[in-house]
N, C-alpha and C. Protein backbone atom coordinates (compact mmCIF):
# COMPACT_ATOMS: atom_id res chain seq x y z
N MET A 1 129.27 73.83 106.46
CA MET A 1 129.26 72.51 107.06
C MET A 1 129.73 71.50 106.01
N PRO A 2 130.72 70.67 106.35
CA PRO A 2 131.26 69.72 105.37
C PRO A 2 130.27 68.60 105.03
N ILE A 3 130.41 68.11 103.82
CA ILE A 3 129.61 66.97 103.35
C ILE A 3 130.15 65.70 104.04
N ALA A 4 129.27 64.81 104.41
CA ALA A 4 129.68 63.52 104.98
C ALA A 4 130.35 62.69 103.89
N LEU A 5 131.37 61.93 104.25
CA LEU A 5 132.12 61.15 103.26
C LEU A 5 131.25 60.13 102.53
N ASP A 6 130.23 59.60 103.19
CA ASP A 6 129.38 58.61 102.53
C ASP A 6 128.42 59.25 101.52
N ASN A 7 128.41 60.59 101.43
CA ASN A 7 127.58 61.28 100.45
C ASN A 7 128.34 61.68 99.19
N LEU A 8 129.62 61.33 99.09
CA LEU A 8 130.39 61.65 97.89
C LEU A 8 129.91 60.79 96.72
N ARG A 9 129.95 61.35 95.53
CA ARG A 9 129.48 60.66 94.33
C ARG A 9 130.59 60.60 93.29
N VAL A 10 130.71 59.46 92.63
CA VAL A 10 131.71 59.27 91.57
C VAL A 10 131.42 60.23 90.43
N GLY A 11 132.48 60.88 89.93
CA GLY A 11 132.35 61.81 88.82
C GLY A 11 132.13 63.24 89.23
N ARG A 12 131.89 63.50 90.49
CA ARG A 12 131.65 64.86 90.98
C ARG A 12 132.96 65.50 91.43
N VAL A 13 132.98 66.83 91.43
CA VAL A 13 134.16 67.60 91.83
C VAL A 13 133.88 68.26 93.17
N TYR A 14 134.88 68.19 94.07
CA TYR A 14 134.74 68.74 95.42
C TYR A 14 135.95 69.60 95.76
N ARG A 15 135.75 70.53 96.69
CA ARG A 15 136.85 71.32 97.23
C ARG A 15 137.08 70.81 98.64
N LEU A 16 138.30 70.35 98.89
CA LEU A 16 138.68 69.83 100.20
C LEU A 16 139.67 70.79 100.84
N ILE A 17 139.33 71.25 102.02
CA ILE A 17 140.23 72.09 102.82
C ILE A 17 140.55 71.32 104.09
N ASN A 18 141.85 71.15 104.35
CA ASN A 18 142.26 70.43 105.55
C ASN A 18 143.69 70.81 105.90
N MET A 19 143.92 71.17 107.14
CA MET A 19 145.25 71.52 107.64
C MET A 19 145.93 72.59 106.78
N GLY A 20 145.16 73.57 106.33
CA GLY A 20 145.72 74.67 105.56
C GLY A 20 145.89 74.41 104.08
N GLU A 21 145.60 73.21 103.61
CA GLU A 21 145.73 72.87 102.19
C GLU A 21 144.35 72.91 101.54
N VAL A 22 144.30 73.50 100.36
CA VAL A 22 143.05 73.54 99.59
C VAL A 22 143.28 72.71 98.34
N ARG A 23 142.42 71.72 98.12
CA ARG A 23 142.54 70.86 96.95
C ARG A 23 141.20 70.77 96.23
N ARG A 24 141.26 70.78 94.91
CA ARG A 24 140.08 70.49 94.09
C ARG A 24 140.24 69.05 93.64
N ILE A 25 139.31 68.20 94.04
CA ILE A 25 139.42 66.77 93.73
C ILE A 25 138.19 66.29 92.97
N GLU A 26 138.42 65.31 92.11
CA GLU A 26 137.33 64.63 91.42
C GLU A 26 137.31 63.19 91.90
N VAL A 27 136.16 62.70 92.27
CA VAL A 27 136.03 61.33 92.75
C VAL A 27 136.00 60.40 91.53
N MET A 28 136.97 59.49 91.46
CA MET A 28 137.09 58.59 90.31
C MET A 28 136.35 57.26 90.55
N SER A 29 136.49 56.71 91.76
CA SER A 29 135.81 55.44 92.07
C SER A 29 135.75 55.26 93.58
N ARG A 30 134.83 54.40 94.00
CA ARG A 30 134.69 54.07 95.42
C ARG A 30 135.49 52.79 95.66
N ILE A 31 136.38 52.84 96.63
CA ILE A 31 137.21 51.68 96.96
C ILE A 31 136.53 50.83 98.02
N SER A 32 136.05 51.50 99.07
CA SER A 32 135.32 50.83 100.15
C SER A 32 134.40 51.83 100.79
N GLY A 33 133.80 51.50 101.89
CA GLY A 33 132.80 52.34 102.55
C GLY A 33 133.00 53.84 102.45
N GLU A 34 134.05 54.37 103.07
CA GLU A 34 134.31 55.80 103.05
C GLU A 34 135.66 56.12 102.42
N ASN A 35 136.18 55.23 101.60
CA ASN A 35 137.45 55.46 100.93
C ASN A 35 137.21 55.51 99.42
N PHE A 36 137.77 56.53 98.79
CA PHE A 36 137.57 56.76 97.38
C PHE A 36 138.91 56.99 96.70
N ARG A 37 138.98 56.67 95.42
CA ARG A 37 140.13 57.04 94.60
C ARG A 37 139.79 58.40 94.01
N VAL A 38 140.65 59.39 94.25
CA VAL A 38 140.37 60.75 93.81
C VAL A 38 141.52 61.28 92.96
N LYS A 39 141.20 62.22 92.10
CA LYS A 39 142.18 62.87 91.24
C LYS A 39 142.28 64.33 91.67
N ASP A 40 143.49 64.77 91.98
CA ASP A 40 143.73 66.18 92.31
C ASP A 40 143.72 66.95 91.00
N LEU A 41 142.79 67.86 90.82
CA LEU A 41 142.64 68.56 89.55
C LEU A 41 143.69 69.64 89.33
N ASP A 42 144.46 69.99 90.35
CA ASP A 42 145.52 70.97 90.18
C ASP A 42 146.84 70.31 89.77
N THR A 43 147.15 69.15 90.35
CA THR A 43 148.41 68.46 90.04
C THR A 43 148.21 67.25 89.14
N LEU A 44 146.96 66.83 88.94
CA LEU A 44 146.60 65.65 88.14
C LEU A 44 147.12 64.34 88.72
N GLU A 45 147.45 64.34 90.02
CA GLU A 45 147.87 63.12 90.70
C GLU A 45 146.66 62.39 91.27
N PHE A 46 146.80 61.08 91.45
CA PHE A 46 145.74 60.26 92.02
C PHE A 46 146.10 59.92 93.46
N TYR A 47 145.10 59.99 94.33
CA TYR A 47 145.25 59.65 95.75
C TYR A 47 144.04 58.83 96.16
N THR A 48 144.12 58.29 97.38
CA THR A 48 142.91 57.79 98.01
C THR A 48 142.50 58.85 99.03
N LEU A 49 141.24 58.94 99.31
CA LEU A 49 140.77 59.92 100.29
C LEU A 49 141.39 59.64 101.65
N HIS A 50 141.61 58.36 101.93
CA HIS A 50 142.26 57.98 103.19
C HIS A 50 143.65 58.62 103.30
N GLU A 51 144.41 58.66 102.20
CA GLU A 51 145.73 59.27 102.22
C GLU A 51 145.65 60.77 102.54
N LEU A 52 144.64 61.44 102.02
CA LEU A 52 144.50 62.87 102.26
C LEU A 52 144.06 63.19 103.68
N LEU A 53 143.40 62.25 104.33
CA LEU A 53 142.88 62.49 105.68
C LEU A 53 143.58 61.65 106.76
N GLN A 54 144.66 60.97 106.41
CA GLN A 54 145.30 60.03 107.34
C GLN A 54 145.85 60.70 108.60
N TRP A 55 146.19 61.98 108.54
CA TRP A 55 146.73 62.66 109.72
C TRP A 55 145.66 63.39 110.49
N GLY A 56 144.41 63.15 110.16
CA GLY A 56 143.31 63.73 110.91
C GLY A 56 142.65 64.90 110.19
N LYS A 57 141.61 65.40 110.79
CA LYS A 57 140.88 66.53 110.25
C LYS A 57 141.20 67.75 111.11
N GLY A 58 141.72 68.78 110.47
CA GLY A 58 142.08 70.00 111.19
C GLY A 58 140.87 70.85 111.52
N LYS A 59 141.11 71.95 112.23
CA LYS A 59 140.03 72.86 112.61
C LYS A 59 139.39 73.52 111.39
N ASP A 60 140.16 73.61 110.29
CA ASP A 60 139.66 74.25 109.09
C ASP A 60 139.03 73.27 108.10
N TYR A 61 138.84 72.00 108.50
CA TYR A 61 138.32 70.97 107.60
C TYR A 61 136.98 71.37 106.98
N ASP A 62 136.92 71.26 105.65
CA ASP A 62 135.67 71.50 104.93
C ASP A 62 135.70 70.70 103.65
N LEU A 63 134.57 70.18 103.27
CA LEU A 63 134.43 69.42 102.04
C LEU A 63 133.10 69.83 101.42
N GLU A 64 133.18 70.43 100.23
CA GLU A 64 131.95 70.88 99.58
C GLU A 64 132.03 70.62 98.09
N GLU A 65 130.87 70.37 97.50
CA GLU A 65 130.79 70.10 96.07
C GLU A 65 130.89 71.42 95.30
N THR A 66 131.62 71.38 94.19
CA THR A 66 131.72 72.54 93.29
C THR A 66 131.02 72.17 91.99
N ARG A 67 130.79 73.15 91.16
CA ARG A 67 130.09 73.02 89.87
C ARG A 67 128.63 73.15 90.05
């Protein structure tokens, strides 16, 4: 069962699965209610969580904390 977006914590690492893509992300800062600035730990690029979920949540959507 995926973690609710409002339960994400700055500095923690999560595994995000959505639409067939698996990403390891670290939450860098909270921008607004359910939007966060995140760092992709595989590519070292920065995104907002909104950018990663803007096309919706697929049937395989999962978000879980690692470490």
